[in-house]
């Protein structure tokens, strides 16, 4: 009997050149590409790589910064609870074109947290 792996936490790595970073991560650390999403100009806007049962997300952004994506079952309730606790919500709750419903907030130290229904 095979059980489904239900991942919840996904590190988000910001890179100046996601394509180069992904190639290097594969060569140096053995990560495997899972998904690559590009904009109309061909630039990577989101990518995913796997190592064993873990999954890492990549995006274009300020190198050396990172965030965490957390899959939740009820993003609306999660959002409301976070806002009531005074979370700095910098991206409002919304349905995304890739099927997730999510939002983003900063913690007390300014770290970015993304919460939504997306489970790669």
PDB file of N, CA and C in Angstrom:
ATOM      1  N   UNK A   1       0.842  -1.186   0.000  1.00  0.00           N
ATOM      2  CA  UNK A   1       0.000   0.000   0.000  1.00  0.00           C
ATOM      3  C   UNK A   1       0.878   1.237   0.000  1.00  0.00           C
ATOM      4  N   UNK A   2       0.664   2.123  -0.928  1.00  0.00           N
ATOM      5  CA  UNK A   2       1.433   3.353  -1.035  1.00  0.00           C
ATOM      6  C   UNK A   2       0.635   4.499  -0.425  1.00  0.00           C
ATOM      7  N   UNK A   3       1.285   5.261   0.434  1.00  0.00           N
ATOM      8  CA  UNK A   3       0.598   6.407   1.025  1.00  0.00           C
ATOM      9  C   UNK A   3       1.036   7.685   0.320  1.00  0.00           C
ATOM     10  N   UNK A   4       0.124   8.608   0.213  1.00  0.00           N
ATOM     11  CA  UNK A   4       0.401   9.894  -0.427  1.00  0.00           C
ATOM     12  C   UNK A   4       1.257  10.746   0.500  1.00  0.00           C
ATOM     13  N   UNK A   5       2.257  11.398  -0.059  1.00  0.00           N
ATOM     14  CA  UNK A   5       3.068  12.337   0.719  1.00  0.00           C
ATOM     15  C   UNK A   5       2.346  13.669   0.705  1.00  0.00           C
ATOM     16  N   UNK A   6       1.994  14.159   1.872  1.00  0.00           N
ATOM     17  CA  UNK A   6       1.264  15.423   1.979  1.00  0.00           C
ATOM     18  C   UNK A   6       2.245  16.473   2.499  1.00  0.00           C
ATOM     19  N   UNK A   7       2.857  17.198   1.586  1.00  0.00           N
ATOM     20  CA  UNK A   7       3.810  18.228   1.960  1.00  0.00           C
ATOM     21  C   UNK A   7       3.064  19.473   2.429  1.00  0.00           C
ATOM     22  N   UNK A   8       3.677  20.212   3.331  1.00  0.00           N
ATOM     23  CA  UNK A   8       3.054  21.421   3.846  1.00  0.00           C
ATOM     24  C   UNK A   8       3.957  22.636   3.697  1.00  0.00           C
ATOM     25  N   UNK A   9       5.253  22.509   3.942  1.00  0.00           N
ATOM     26  CA  UNK A   9       6.190  23.631   3.888  1.00  0.00           C
ATOM     27  C   UNK A   9       7.048  23.545   2.636  1.00  0.00           C
ATOM     28  N   UNK A  10       7.194  24.694   1.955  1.00  0.00           N
ATOM     29  CA  UNK A  10       7.990  24.774   0.738  1.00  0.00           C
ATOM     30  C   UNK A  10       8.887  26.001   0.809  1.00  0.00           C
ATOM     31  N   UNK A  11      10.197  25.825   0.941  1.00  0.00           N
ATOM     32  CA  UNK A  11      11.084  26.990   0.920  1.00  0.00           C
ATOM     33  C   UNK A  11      11.024  27.673  -0.451  1.00  0.00           C
ATOM     34  N   UNK A  12      11.069  29.005  -0.459  1.00  0.00           N
ATOM     35  CA  UNK A  12      11.083  29.805  -1.680  1.00  0.00           C
ATOM     36  C   UNK A  12      12.421  30.516  -1.757  1.00  0.00           C
ATOM     37  N   UNK A  13      13.177  30.259  -2.814  1.00  0.00           N
ATOM     38  CA  UNK A  13      14.492  30.856  -3.000  1.00  0.00           C
ATOM     39  C   UNK A  13      14.401  31.917  -4.084  1.00  0.00           C
ATOM     40  N   UNK A  14      14.843  33.131  -3.790  1.00  0.00           N
ATOM     41  CA  UNK A  14      14.879  34.204  -4.786  1.00  0.00           C
ATOM     42  C   UNK A  14      16.251  34.235  -5.443  1.00  0.00           C
ATOM     43  N   UNK A  15      16.265  34.332  -6.762  1.00  0.00           N
ATOM     44  CA  UNK A  15      17.510  34.282  -7.528  1.00  0.00           C
ATOM     45  C   UNK A  15      17.538  35.404  -8.568  1.00  0.00           C
ATOM     46  N   UNK A  16      18.720  35.923  -8.843  1.00  0.00           N
ATOM     47  CA  UNK A  16      18.876  36.905  -9.913  1.00  0.00           C
ATOM     48  C   UNK A  16      18.641  36.232 -11.262  1.00  0.00           C
ATOM     49  N   UNK A  17      19.074  34.976 -11.387  1.00  0.00           N
ATOM     50  CA  UNK A  17      18.918  34.214 -12.621  1.00  0.00           C
ATOM     51  C   UNK A  17      18.443  32.811 -12.253  1.00  0.00           C
ATOM     52  N   UNK A  18      17.118  32.619 -12.137  1.00  0.00           N
ATOM     53  CA  UNK A  18      16.608  31.315 -11.721  1.00  0.00           C
ATOM     54  C   UNK A  18      17.078  30.151 -12.596  1.00  0.00           C
ATOM     55  N   UNK A  19      17.200  30.354 -13.908  1.00  0.00           N
ATOM     56  CA  UNK A  19      17.632  29.267 -14.790  1.00  0.00           C
ATOM     57  C   UNK A  19      19.048  28.817 -14.438  1.00  0.00           C
ATOM     58  N   UNK A  20      19.959  29.769 -14.236  1.00  0.00           N
ATOM     59  CA  UNK A  20      21.333  29.425 -13.878  1.00  0.00           C
ATOM     60  C   UNK A  20      21.387  28.771 -12.496  1.00  0.00           C
ATOM     61  N   UNK A  21      20.592  29.286 -11.573  1.00  0.00           N
ATOM     62  CA  UNK A  21      20.570  28.719 -10.225  1.00  0.00           C
ATOM     63  C   UNK A  21      20.048  27.288 -10.239  1.00  0.00           C
ATOM     64  N   UNK A  22      19.013  27.038 -11.026  1.00  0.00           N
ATOM     65  CA  UNK A  22      18.466  25.690 -11.107  1.00  0.00           C
ATOM     66  C   UNK A  22      19.471  24.720 -11.711  1.00  0.00           C
ATOM     67  N   UNK A  23      20.144  25.157 -12.763  1.00  0.00           N
ATOM     68  CA  UNK A  23      21.152  24.306 -13.404  1.00  0.00           C
ATOM     69  C   UNK A  23      22.260  23.970 -12.414  1.00  0.00           C
ATOM     70  N   UNK A  24      22.699  24.965 -11.657  1.00  0.00           N
ATOM     71  CA  UNK A  24      23.762  24.750 -10.681  1.00  0.00           C
ATOM     72  C   UNK A  24      23.287  23.836  -9.553  1.00  0.00           C
ATOM     73  N   UNK A  25      22.055  24.038  -9.046  1.00  0.00           N
ATOM     74  CA  UNK A  25      21.518  23.196  -7.965  1.00  0.00           C
ATOM     75  C   UNK A  25      21.427  21.736  -8.399  1.00  0.00           C
ATOM     76  N   UNK A  26      21.123  21.522  -9.665  1.00  0.00           N
ATOM     77  CA  UNK A  26      21.063  20.152 -10.184  1.00  0.00           C
ATOM     78  C   UNK A  26      22.463  19.545 -10.225  1.00  0.00           C
ATOM     79  N   UNK A  27      23.420  20.312 -10.747  1.00  0.00           N
ATOM     80  CA  UNK A  27      24.784  19.822 -10.878  1.00  0.00           C
ATOM     81  C   UNK A  27      25.473  19.655  -9.521  1.00  0.00           C
ATOM     82  N   UNK A  28      25.336  20.631  -8.658  1.00  0.00           N
ATOM     83  CA  UNK A  28      26.066  20.621  -7.386  1.00  0.00           C
ATOM     84  C   UNK A  28      25.413  19.759  -6.312  1.00  0.00           C
ATOM     85  N   UNK A  29      24.093  19.799  -6.223  1.00  0.00           N
ATOM     86  CA  UNK A  29      23.415  19.173  -5.095  1.00  0.00           C
ATOM     87  C   UNK A  29      22.478  18.027  -5.472  1.00  0.00           C
ATOM     88  N   UNK A  30      22.276  17.799  -6.761  1.00  0.00           N
ATOM     89  CA  UNK A  30      21.444  16.684  -7.182  1.00  0.00           C
ATOM     90  C   UNK A  30      19.948  16.933  -7.174  1.00  0.00           C
ATOM     91  N   UNK A  31      19.530  18.205  -7.142  1.00  0.00           N
ATOM     92  CA  UNK A  31      18.104  18.517  -7.214  1.00  0.00           C
ATOM     93  C   UNK A  31      17.594  18.201  -8.620  1.00  0.00           C
ATOM     94  N   UNK A  32      16.344  17.780  -8.738  1.00  0.00           N
ATOM     95  CA  UNK A  32      15.733  17.466 -10.030  1.00  0.00           C
ATOM     96  C   UNK A  32      14.646  18.484 -10.358  1.00  0.00           C
ATOM     97  N   UNK A  33      14.671  19.058 -11.574  1.00  0.00           N
ATOM     98  CA  UNK A  33      13.598  19.977 -11.967  1.00  0.00           C
ATOM     99  C   UNK A  33      12.257  19.245 -12.029  1.00  0.00           C
ATOM    100  N   UNK A  34      11.206  19.892 -11.533  1.00  0.00           N
ATOM    101  CA  UNK A  34       9.865  19.321 -11.541  1.00  0.00           C
ATOM    102  C   UNK A  34       8.945  20.155 -12.425  1.00  0.00           C
ATOM    103  N   UNK A  35       9.029  21.478 -12.300  1.00  0.00           N
ATOM    104  CA  UNK A  35       8.157  22.369 -13.068  1.00  0.00           C
ATOM    105  C   UNK A  35       8.871  23.692 -13.302  1.00  0.00           C
ATOM    106  N   UNK A  36       8.663  24.250 -14.483  1.00  0.00           N
ATOM    107  CA  UNK A  36       9.219  25.558 -14.820  1.00  0.00           C
ATOM    108  C   UNK A  36       8.122  26.355 -15.522  1.00  0.00           C
ATOM    109  N   UNK A  37       7.814  27.530 -14.991  1.00  0.00           N
ATOM    110  CA  UNK A  37       6.795  28.408 -15.572  1.00  0.00           C
ATOM    111  C   UNK A  37       7.466  29.701 -16.012  1.00  0.00           C
ATOM    112  N   UNK A  38       7.245  30.072 -17.272  1.00  0.00           N
ATOM    113  CA  UNK A  38       7.905  31.244 -17.857  1.00  0.00           C
ATOM    114  C   UNK A  38       6.877  32.301 -18.243  1.00  0.00           C
ATOM    115  N   UNK A  39       7.334  33.557 -18.278  1.00  0.00           N
ATOM    116  CA  UNK A  39       6.468  34.632 -18.747  1.00  0.00           C
ATOM    117  C   UNK A  39       6.535  34.699 -20.271  1.00  0.00           C
ATOM    118  N   UNK A  40       5.867  35.670 -20.858  1.00  0.00           N
ATOM    119  CA  UNK A  40       5.822  35.797 -22.316  1.00  0.00           C
ATOM    120  C   UNK A  40       7.193  36.050 -22.942  1.00  0.00           C
ATOM    121  N   UNK A  41       8.116  36.599 -22.152  1.00  0.00           N
ATOM    122  CA  UNK A  41       9.467  36.855 -22.649  1.00  0.00           C
ATOM    123  C   UNK A  41      10.397  35.649 -22.461  1.00  0.00           C
ATOM    124  N   UNK A  42       9.863  34.567 -21.882  1.00  0.00           N
ATOM    125  CA  UNK A  42      10.675  33.370 -21.686  1.00  0.00           C
ATOM    126  C   UNK A  42      11.433  33.319 -20.367  1.00  0.00           C
ATOM    127  N   UNK A  43      11.243  34.343 -19.537  1.00  0.00           N
ATOM    128  CA  UNK A  43      11.923  34.375 -18.235  1.00  0.00           C
ATOM    129  C   UNK A  43      11.183  33.495 -17.233  1.00  0.00           C
ATOM    130  N   UNK A  44      11.936  32.789 -16.384  1.00  0.00           N
ATOM    131  CA  UNK A  44      11.324  31.950 -15.368  1.00  0.00           C
ATOM    132  C   UNK A  44      10.695  32.837 -14.297  1.00  0.00           C
ATOM    133  N   UNK A  45       9.410  32.628 -14.047  1.00  0.00           N
ATOM    134  CA  UNK A  45       8.710  33.362 -12.985  1.00  0.00           C
ATOM    135  C   UNK A  45       8.479  32.476 -11.772  1.00  0.00           C
ATOM    136  N   UNK A  46       8.459  31.167 -11.990  1.00  0.00           N
ATOM    137  CA  UNK A  46       8.297  30.212 -10.895  1.00  0.00           C
ATOM    138  C   UNK A  46       8.828  28.867 -11.369  1.00  0.00           C
ATOM    139  N   UNK A  47       9.541  28.185 -10.488  1.00  0.00           N
ATOM    140  CA  UNK A  47      10.043  26.854 -10.809  1.00  0.00           C
ATOM    141  C   UNK A  47      10.083  26.018  -9.541  1.00  0.00           C
ATOM    142  N   UNK A  48      10.108  24.715  -9.725  1.00  0.00           N
ATOM    143  CA  UNK A  48      10.152  23.796  -8.593  1.00  0.00           C
ATOM    144  C   UNK A  48      11.192  22.725  -8.873  1.00  0.00           C
ATOM    145  N   UNK A  49      11.926  22.354  -7.817  1.00  0.00           N
ATOM    146  CA  UNK A  49      12.902  21.274  -7.900  1.00  0.00           C
ATOM    147  C   UNK A  49      12.692  20.340  -6.719  1.00  0.00           C
ATOM    148  N   UNK A  50      12.988  19.068  -6.949  1.00  0.00           N
ATOM    149  CA  UNK A  50      12.773  18.046  -5.928  1.00  0.00           C
ATOM    150  C   UNK A  50      14.110  17.443  -5.512  1.00  0.00           C
ATOM    151  N   UNK A  51      14.190  17.081  -4.248  1.00  0.00           N
ATOM    152  CA  UNK A  51      15.274  16.258  -3.740  1.00  0.00           C
ATOM    153  C   UNK A  51      14.643  15.278  -2.771  1.00  0.00           C
ATOM    154  N   UNK A  52      14.691  13.996  -3.104  1.00  0.00           N
ATOM    155  CA  UNK A  52      14.042  12.958  -2.310  1.00  0.00           C
ATOM    156  C   UNK A  52      12.557  13.308  -2.194  1.00  0.00           C
ATOM    157  N   UNK A  53      12.017  13.499  -1.007  1.00  0.00           N
ATOM    158  CA  UNK A  53      10.599  13.842  -0.876  1.00  0.00           C
ATOM    159  C   UNK A  53      10.379  15.337  -0.686  1.00  0.00           C
ATOM    160  N   UNK A  54      11.461  16.124  -0.642  1.00  0.00           N
ATOM    161  CA  UNK A  54      11.347  17.567  -0.444  1.00  0.00           C
ATOM    162  C   UNK A  54      11.172  18.311  -1.751  1.00  0.00           C
ATOM    163  N   UNK A  55      10.590  19.489  -1.662  1.00  0.00           N
ATOM    164  CA  UNK A  55      10.375  20.324  -2.830  1.00  0.00           C
ATOM    165  C   UNK A  55      10.792  21.749  -2.518  1.00  0.00           C
ATOM    166  N   UNK A  56      11.525  22.351  -3.437  1.00  0.00           N
ATOM    167  CA  UNK A  56      12.044  23.702  -3.314  1.00  0.00           C
ATOM    168  C   UNK A  56      11.462  24.531  -4.446  1.00  0.00           C
ATOM    169  N   UNK A  57      11.030  25.767  -4.152  1.00  0.00           N
ATOM    170  CA  UNK A  57      10.489  26.660  -5.173  1.00  0.00           C
ATOM    171  C   UNK A  57      11.490  27.773  -5.467  1.00  0.00           C
ATOM    172  N   UNK A  58      11.542  28.206  -6.726  1.00  0.00           N
ATOM    173  CA  UNK A  58      12.440  29.262  -7.171  1.00  0.00           C
ATOM    174  C   UNK A  58      11.639  30.397  -7.783  1.00  0.00           C
ATOM    175  N   UNK A  59      12.139  31.601  -7.615  1.00  0.00           N
ATOM    176  CA  UNK A  59      11.548  32.749  -8.276  1.00  0.00           C
ATOM    177  C   UNK A  59      12.606  33.805  -8.502  1.00  0.00           C
ATOM    178  N   UNK A  60      12.298  34.759  -9.355  1.00  0.00           N
ATOM    179  CA  UNK A  60      13.221  35.862  -9.603  1.00  0.00           C
ATOM    180  C   UNK A  60      13.002  36.911  -8.527  1.00  0.00           C
ATOM    181  N   UNK A  61      14.077  37.312  -7.889  1.00  0.00           N
ATOM    182  CA  UNK A  61      13.979  38.282  -6.818  1.00  0.00           C
ATOM    183  C   UNK A  61      15.351  38.659  -6.308  1.00  0.00           C
ATOM    184  N   UNK A  62      15.397  39.304  -5.173  1.00  0.00           N
ATOM    185  CA  UNK A  62      16.653  39.735  -4.586  1.00  0.00           C
ATOM    186  C   UNK A  62      17.438  38.520  -4.090  1.00  0.00           C
ATOM    187  N   UNK A  63      18.622  38.254  -4.674  1.00  0.00           N
ATOM    188  CA  UNK A  63      19.407  37.105  -4.243  1.00  0.00           C
ATOM    189  C   UNK A  63      19.707  37.157  -2.744  1.00  0.00           C
ATOM    190  N   UNK A  64      19.712  35.993  -2.136  1.00  0.00           N
ATOM    191  CA  UNK A  64      20.009  35.906  -0.715  1.00  0.00           C
ATOM    192  C   UNK A  64      18.790  36.081   0.175  1.00  0.00           C
ATOM    193  N   UNK A  65      17.655  36.397  -0.416  1.00  0.00           N
ATOM    194  CA  UNK A  65      16.429  36.487   0.371  1.00  0.00           C
ATOM    195  C   UNK A  65      15.605  35.238   0.090  1.00  0.00           C
ATOM    196  N   UNK A  66      14.791  34.887   1.022  1.00  0.00           N
ATOM    197  CA  UNK A  66      13.960  33.713   0.835  1.00  0.00           C
ATOM    198  C   UNK A  66      12.674  33.883   1.617  1.00  0.00           C
ATOM    199  N   UNK A  67      11.779  32.944   1.439  1.00  0.00           N
ATOM    200  CA  UNK A  67      10.491  32.969   2.116  1.00  0.00           C
ATOM    201  C   UNK A  67      10.041  31.525   2.275  1.00  0.00           C
ATOM    202  N   UNK A  68       8.869  31.346   2.845  1.00  0.00           N
ATOM    203  CA  UNK A  68       8.306  30.006   3.004  1.00  0.00           C
ATOM    204  C   UNK A  68       6.868  30.028   2.506  1.00  0.00           C
ATOM    205  N   UNK A  69       6.515  29.009   1.722  1.00  0.00           N
ATOM    206  CA  UNK A  69       5.133  28.806   1.315  1.00  0.00           C
ATOM    207  C   UNK A  69       4.585  27.688   2.189  1.00  0.00           C
ATOM    208  N   UNK A  70       3.421  27.909   2.770  1.00  0.00           N
ATOM    209  CA  UNK A  70       2.797  26.921   3.639  1.00  0.00           C
ATOM    210  C   UNK A  70       1.430  26.570   3.062  1.00  0.00           C
ATOM    211  N   UNK A  71       1.223  25.294   2.756  1.00  0.00           N
ATOM    212  CA  UNK A  71      -0.068  24.839   2.248  1.00  0.00           C
ATOM    213  C   UNK A  71      -1.044  24.709   3.412  1.00  0.00           C
ATOM    214  N   UNK A  72      -2.195  25.340   3.258  1.00  0.00           N
ATOM    215  CA  UNK A  72      -3.242  25.280   4.285  1.00  0.00           C
ATOM    216  C   UNK A  72      -4.549  24.849   3.619  1.00  0.00           C
ATOM    217  N   UNK A  73      -5.406  24.213   4.392  1.00  0.00           N
ATOM    218  CA  UNK A  73      -6.663  23.729   3.833  1.00  0.00           C
ATOM    219  C   UNK A  73      -7.723  24.813   3.708  1.00  0.00           C
ATOM    220  N   UNK A  74      -7.692  25.815   4.580  1.00  0.00           N
ATOM    221  CA  UNK A  74      -8.703  26.883   4.568  1.00  0.00           C
ATOM    222  C   UNK A  74      -8.006  28.243   4.602  1.00  0.00           C
ATOM    223  N   UNK A  75      -7.553  28.737   3.435  1.00  0.00           N
ATOM    224  CA  UNK A  75      -6.813  29.991   3.424  1.00  0.00           C
ATOM    225  C   UNK A  75      -7.626  31.200   3.889  1.00  0.00           C
ATOM    226  N   UNK A  76      -8.931  31.175   3.699  1.00  0.00           N
ATOM    227  CA  UNK A  76      -9.761  32.307   4.129  1.00  0.00           C
ATOM    228  C   UNK A  76      -9.729  32.441   5.654  1.00  0.00           C
ATOM    229  N   UNK A  77      -9.943  31.342   6.347  1.00  0.00           N
ATOM    230  CA  UNK A  77      -9.905  31.371   7.815  1.00  0.00           C
ATOM    231  C   UNK A  77      -8.506  31.708   8.314  1.00  0.00           C
ATOM    232  N   UNK A  78      -7.495  31.158   7.629  1.00  0.00           N
ATOM    233  CA  UNK A  78      -6.107  31.416   8.017  1.00  0.00           C
ATOM    234  C   UNK A  78      -5.787  32.907   7.873  1.00  0.00           C
ATOM    235  N   UNK A  79      -6.186  33.479   6.750  1.00  0.00           N
ATOM    236  CA  UNK A  79      -5.981  34.894   6.469  1.00  0.00           C
ATOM    237  C   UNK A  79      -6.655  35.759   7.543  1.00  0.00           C
ATOM    238  N   UNK A  80      -7.906  35.446   7.845  1.00  0.00           N
ATOM    239  CA  UNK A  80      -8.657  36.243   8.818  1.00  0.00           C
ATOM    240  C   UNK A  80      -8.008  36.188  10.198  1.00  0.00           C
ATOM    241  N   UNK A  81      -7.535  35.024  10.588  1.00  0.00           N
ATOM    242  CA  UNK A  81      -6.867  34.866  11.882  1.00  0.00           C
ATOM    243  C   UNK A  81      -5.560  35.667  11.911  1.00  0.00           C
ATOM    244  N   UNK A  82      -4.784  35.592  10.828  1.00  0.00           N
ATOM    245  CA  UNK A  82      -3.526  36.321  10.752  1.00  0.00           C
ATOM    246  C   UNK A  82      -3.762  37.831  10.807  1.00  0.00           C
ATOM    247  N   UNK A  83      -4.731  38.309  10.040  1.00  0.00           N
ATOM    248  CA  UNK A  83      -5.042  39.736  10.031  1.00  0.00           C
ATOM    249  C   UNK A  83      -5.513  40.192  11.413  1.00  0.00           C
ATOM    250  N   UNK A  84      -6.348  39.395  12.086  1.00  0.00           N
ATOM    251  CA  UNK A  84      -6.839  39.740  13.426  1.00  0.00           C
ATOM    252  C   UNK A  84      -5.696  39.824  14.440  1.00  0.00           C
ATOM    253  N   UNK A  85      -4.629  39.053  14.186  1.00  0.00           N
ATOM    254  CA  UNK A  85      -3.464  39.074  15.082  1.00  0.00           C
ATOM    255  C   UNK A  85      -2.492  40.195  14.721  1.00  0.00           C
ATOM    256  N   UNK A  86      -2.823  40.984  13.688  1.00  0.00           N
ATOM    257  CA  UNK A  86      -1.989  42.111  13.313  1.00  0.00           C
ATOM    258  C   UNK A  86      -0.937  41.819  12.270  1.00  0.00           C
ATOM    259  N   UNK A  87      -1.070  40.701  11.541  1.00  0.00           N
ATOM    260  CA  UNK A  87      -0.091  40.379  10.497  1.00  0.00           C
ATOM    261  C   UNK A  87      -0.079  41.461   9.423  1.00  0.00           C
ATOM    262  N   UNK A  88       1.104  41.745   8.907  1.00  0.00           N
ATOM    263  CA  UNK A  88       1.286  42.690   7.803  1.00  0.00           C
ATOM    264  C   UNK A  88       1.001  41.944   6.496  1.00  0.00           C
ATOM    265  N   UNK A  89      -0.253  41.938   6.074  1.00  0.00           N
ATOM    266  CA  UNK A  89      -0.641  41.258   4.836  1.00  0.00           C
ATOM    267  C   UNK A  89      -0.264  42.167   3.677  1.00  0.00           C
ATOM    268  N   UNK A  90       0.707  41.728   2.861  1.00  0.00           N
ATOM    269  CA  UNK A  90       1.157  42.569   1.743  1.00  0.00           C
ATOM    270  C   UNK A  90       0.656  42.078   0.398  1.00  0.00           C
ATOM    271  N   UNK A  91       0.057  40.905   0.359  1.00  0.00           N
ATOM    272  CA  UNK A  91      -0.646  40.441  -0.847  1.00  0.00           C
ATOM    273  C   UNK A  91      -1.954  39.823  -0.369  1.00  0.00           C
ATOM    274  N   UNK A  92      -3.042  40.456  -0.749  1.00  0.00           N
ATOM    275  CA  UNK A  92      -4.354  40.045  -0.259  1.00  0.00           C
ATOM    276  C   UNK A  92      -4.766  38.668  -0.771  1.00  0.00           C
ATOM    277  N   UNK A  93      -5.661  38.057  -0.056  1.00  0.00           N
ATOM    278  CA  UNK A  93      -6.222  36.757  -0.398  1.00  0.00           C
ATOM    279  C   UNK A  93      -6.841  36.824  -1.785  1.00  0.00           C
ATOM    280  N   UNK A  94      -6.458  35.880  -2.653  1.00  0.00           N
ATOM    281  CA  UNK A  94      -6.970  35.888  -4.026  1.00  0.00           C
ATOM    282  C   UNK A  94      -6.844  34.510  -4.646  1.00  0.00           C
ATOM    283  N   UNK A  95      -7.724  34.245  -5.608  1.00  0.00           N
ATOM    284  CA  UNK A  95      -7.633  33.025  -6.402  1.00  0.00           C
ATOM    285  C   UNK A  95      -6.577  33.253  -7.484  1.00  0.00           C
ATOM    286  N   UNK A  96      -5.666  32.295  -7.627  1.00  0.00           N
ATOM    287  CA  UNK A  96      -4.581  32.405  -8.593  1.00  0.00           C
ATOM    288  C   UNK A  96      -4.910  31.610  -9.857  1.00  0.00           C
ATOM    289  N   UNK A  97      -4.282  31.963 -10.977  1.00  0.00           N
ATOM    290  CA  UNK A  97      -4.564  31.273 -12.229  1.00  0.00           C
ATOM    291  C   UNK A  97      -4.060  29.836 -12.247  1.00  0.00           C
ATOM    292  N   UNK A  98      -3.191  29.464 -11.311  1.00  0.00           N
ATOM    293  CA  UNK A  98      -2.688  28.089 -11.235  1.00  0.00           C
ATOM    294  C   UNK A  98      -3.508  27.232 -10.261  1.00  0.00           C
ATOM    295  N   UNK A  99      -4.645  27.769  -9.798  1.00  0.00           N
ATOM    296  CA  UNK A  99      -5.567  26.978  -9.012  1.00  0.00           C
ATOM    297  C   UNK A  99      -5.509  27.158  -7.512  1.00  0.00           C
ATOM    298  N   UNK A 100      -4.542  27.891  -7.024  1.00  0.00           N
ATOM    299  CA  UNK A 100      -4.430  28.104  -5.581  1.00  0.00           C
ATOM    300  C   UNK A 100      -5.249  29.315  -5.150  1.00  0.00           C
ATOM    301  N   UNK A 101      -5.630  29.310  -3.908  1.00  0.00           N
ATOM    302  CA  UNK A 101      -6.195  30.503  -3.266  1.00  0.00           C
ATOM    303  C   UNK A 101      -5.203  30.836  -2.178  1.00  0.00           C
ATOM    304  N   UNK A 102      -4.589  32.021  -2.243  1.00  0.00           N
ATOM    305  CA  UNK A 102      -3.540  32.313  -1.276  1.00  0.00           C
ATOM    306  C   UNK A 102      -3.388  33.790  -0.963  1.00  0.00           C
ATOM    307  N   UNK A 103      -2.528  34.053   0.026  1.00  0.00           N
ATOM    308  CA  UNK A 103      -2.195  35.416   0.432  1.00  0.00           C
ATOM    309  C   UNK A 103      -0.772  35.393   0.987  1.00  0.00           C
ATOM    310  N   UNK A 104      -0.218  36.574   1.234  1.00  0.00           N
ATOM    311  CA  UNK A 104       1.144  36.666   1.764  1.00  0.00           C
ATOM    312  C   UNK A 104       1.205  37.715   2.866  1.00  0.00           C
ATOM    313  N   UNK A 105       2.027  37.427   3.869  1.00  0.00           N
ATOM    314  CA  UNK A 105       2.166  38.323   5.019  1.00  0.00           C
ATOM    315  C   UNK A 105       3.602  38.290   5.522  1.00  0.00           C
ATOM    316  N   UNK A 106       3.964  39.325   6.268  1.00  0.00           N
ATOM    317  CA  UNK A 106       5.279  39.376   6.899  1.00  0.00           C
ATOM    318  C   UNK A 106       5.120  39.111   8.395  1.00  0.00           C
ATOM    319  N   UNK A 107       6.129  38.426   8.964  1.00  0.00           N
ATOM    320  CA  UNK A 107       6.110  38.199  10.405  1.00  0.00           C
ATOM    321  C   UNK A 107       6.726  39.406  11.114  1.00  0.00           C
ATOM    322  N   UNK A 108       6.921  39.322  12.420  1.00  0.00           N
ATOM    323  CA  UNK A 108       7.433  40.451  13.202  1.00  0.00           C
ATOM    324  C   UNK A 108       8.818  40.916  12.771  1.00  0.00           C
ATOM    325  N   UNK A 109       9.611  40.009  12.158  1.00  0.00           N
ATOM    326  CA  UNK A 109      10.959  40.357  11.712  1.00  0.00           C
ATOM    327  C   UNK A 109      11.027  40.702  10.230  1.00  0.00           C
ATOM    328  N   UNK A 110       9.879  40.754   9.563  1.00  0.00           N
ATOM    329  CA  UNK A 110       9.843  41.109   8.152  1.00  0.00           C
ATOM    330  C   UNK A 110      10.011  39.939   7.206  1.00  0.00           C
ATOM    331  N   UNK A 111      10.094  38.704   7.724  1.00  0.00           N
ATOM    332  CA  UNK A 111      10.188  37.531   6.856  1.00  0.00           C
ATOM    333  C   UNK A 111       8.866  37.333   6.127  1.00  0.00           C
ATOM    334  N   UNK A 112       8.940  36.908   4.862  1.00  0.00           N
ATOM    335  CA  UNK A 112       7.739  36.715   4.063  1.00  0.00           C
ATOM    336  C   UNK A 112       7.224  35.290   4.183  1.00  0.00           C
ATOM    337  N   UNK A 113       5.912  35.187   4.376  1.00  0.00           N
ATOM    338  CA  UNK A 113       5.221  33.915   4.477  1.00  0.00           C
ATOM    339  C   UNK A 113       4.069  33.925   3.484  1.00  0.00           C
ATOM    340  N   UNK A 114       3.966  32.873   2.694  1.00  0.00           N
ATOM    341  CA  UNK A 114       2.890  32.718   1.725  1.00  0.00           C
ATOM    342  C   UNK A 114       2.043  31.535   2.171  1.00  0.00           C
ATOM    343  N   UNK A 115       0.724  31.714   2.206  1.00  0.00           N
ATOM    344  CA  UNK A 115      -0.189  30.671   2.648  1.00  0.00           C
ATOM    345  C   UNK A 115      -1.245  30.445   1.576  1.00  0.00           C
ATOM    346  N   UNK A 116      -1.483  29.187   1.227  1.00  0.00           N
ATOM    347  CA  UNK A 116      -2.502  28.897   0.222  1.00  0.00           C
ATOM    348  C   UNK A 116      -2.745  27.418   0.050  1.00  0.00           C
ATOM    349  N   UNK A 117      -3.570  27.102  -0.910  1.00  0.00           N
ATOM    350  CA  UNK A 117      -3.998  25.718  -1.132  1.00  0.00           C
ATOM    351  C   UNK A 117      -3.110  24.950  -2.093  1.00  0.00           C
ATOM    352  N   UNK A 118      -2.130  25.586  -2.721  1.00  0.00           N
ATOM    353  CA  UNK A 118      -1.279  24.925  -3.705  1.00  0.00           C
ATOM    354  C   UNK A 118      -0.411  23.864  -3.041  1.00  0.00           C
ATOM    355  N   UNK A 119      -0.491  22.657  -3.526  1.00  0.00           N
ATOM    356  CA  UNK A 119       0.355  21.539  -3.077  1.00  0.00           C
ATOM    357  C   UNK A 119       0.941  20.873  -4.311  1.00  0.00           C
ATOM    358  N   UNK A 120       2.160  21.240  -4.677  1.00  0.00           N
ATOM    359  CA  UNK A 120       2.767  20.632  -5.877  1.00  0.00           C
ATOM    360  C   UNK A 120       2.851  19.112  -5.800  1.00  0.00           C
TER     361      UNK A 120
END
